[in-house]
Amino acid sequence: MDQKDDRSLKQYRSKQLYERAFFFKRLAIGAADPKFATKLQALVDEYEKEAARAKLEIKQPGGPRETAAAHGTPECRAG
């Protein structure tokens, strides 16, 4: 895979994570149960953090490469 494709994939991944964060944020705002809203907000924070990390990786391509599993992203969690 060339560098341009790798960058495009990272941009897509970052955008996807931000979209998921936005989705969960809207759910949290509309949730009638405060406990459920709190759990959703935790997901929002996780997705936003991971999206920011992905965006930073695009800007600093020479940094160390770590897998998503090492960060405990939501996709890696069961349940």
Protein backbone atom coordinates (compact mmCIF):
# COMPACT_ATOMS: atom_id res chain seq x y z
CA MET A 1 0.00 0.00 0.00
CA ASP A 2 1.41 3.36 -0.90
CA GLN A 3 1.54 6.37 1.38
CA LYS A 4 -1.39 8.14 -0.31
CA ASP A 5 -3.70 5.15 0.22
CA ASP A 6 -2.56 4.83 3.83
CA ARG A 7 -3.32 8.52 4.42
CA SER A 8 -6.74 8.18 2.79
CA LEU A 9 -7.58 5.21 4.99
CA LYS A 10 -6.53 7.12 8.10
CA GLN A 11 -8.64 10.11 7.06
CA TYR A 12 -11.62 7.84 6.47
CA ARG A 13 -11.09 6.17 9.84
CA SER A 14 -10.90 9.50 11.66
CA LYS A 15 -14.06 10.73 9.94
CA GLN A 16 -15.86 7.49 10.78
CA LEU A 17 -14.92 7.79 14.46
CA TYR A 18 -16.12 11.40 14.62
CA GLU A 19 -19.41 10.37 13.00
CA ARG A 20 -19.90 7.63 15.58
CA ALA A 21 -19.16 10.07 18.39
CA PHE A 22 -21.75 12.45 16.96
CA PHE A 23 -24.30 9.62 16.72
CA PHE A 24 -23.82 8.58 20.33
CA LYS A 25 -23.87 12.20 21.48
CA ARG A 26 -27.30 12.66 19.89
CA LEU A 27 -28.50 9.47 21.55
CA ALA A 28 -27.18 10.66 24.92
CA ILE A 29 -28.96 13.99 24.57
CA GLY A 30 -32.24 12.28 23.75
CA ALA A 31 -31.99 9.51 26.34
CA ALA A 32 -34.69 9.67 29.02
CA ASP A 33 -32.66 7.61 31.50
CA PRO A 34 -29.76 9.59 33.03
CA LYS A 35 -27.73 6.44 33.73
CA PHE A 36 -28.01 5.37 30.12
CA ALA A 37 -27.10 8.88 28.96
CA THR A 38 -23.98 8.72 31.13
CA LYS A 39 -22.94 5.42 29.54
CA LEU A 40 -23.51 6.85 26.08
CA GLN A 41 -21.45 9.92 26.94
CA ALA A 42 -18.58 7.63 27.91
CA LEU A 43 -18.75 6.15 24.40
CA VAL A 44 -18.78 9.65 22.92
CA ASP A 45 -15.64 10.51 24.84
CA GLU A 46 -13.93 7.30 23.73
CA TYR A 47 -14.77 7.80 20.07
CA GLU A 48 -13.71 11.46 20.13
CA LYS A 49 -10.42 10.55 21.79
CA GLU A 50 -9.70 7.83 19.24
CA ALA A 51 -10.69 10.11 16.35
CA ALA A 52 -8.34 12.81 17.60
CA ARG A 53 -5.57 10.22 17.87
CA ALA A 54 -6.23 9.08 14.29
CA LYS A 55 -6.20 12.68 13.05
CA LEU A 56 -2.92 13.32 14.85
CA GLU A 57 -1.46 10.20 13.23
CA ILE A 58 -2.30 11.66 9.81
CA LYS A 59 -0.41 14.85 10.63
CA GLN A 60 2.57 13.00 12.14
CA PRO A 61 3.11 9.99 9.87
CA GLY A 62 6.61 9.22 11.17
CA GLY A 63 5.51 8.37 14.72
CA PRO A 64 5.43 4.91 16.24
CA ARG A 65 2.69 2.67 14.92
CA GLU A 66 0.39 1.17 17.50
CA THR A 67 -2.61 -1.00 16.84
CA ALA A 68 -6.15 -0.05 17.78
CA ALA A 69 -6.30 -3.07 20.08
CA ALA A 70 -3.51 -1.62 22.19
CA HIS A 71 -5.65 1.44 22.85
CA GLY A 72 -8.82 -0.45 23.71
CA THR A 73 -10.97 1.17 21.06
CA PRO A 74 -14.71 0.53 21.19
CA GLU A 75 -14.49 -1.88 18.26
CA CYS A 76 -12.23 -4.13 20.30
CA ARG A 77 -14.55 -4.37 23.27
CA ALA A 78 -17.07 -7.14 23.60
CA GLY A 79 -20.65 -6.34 24.51
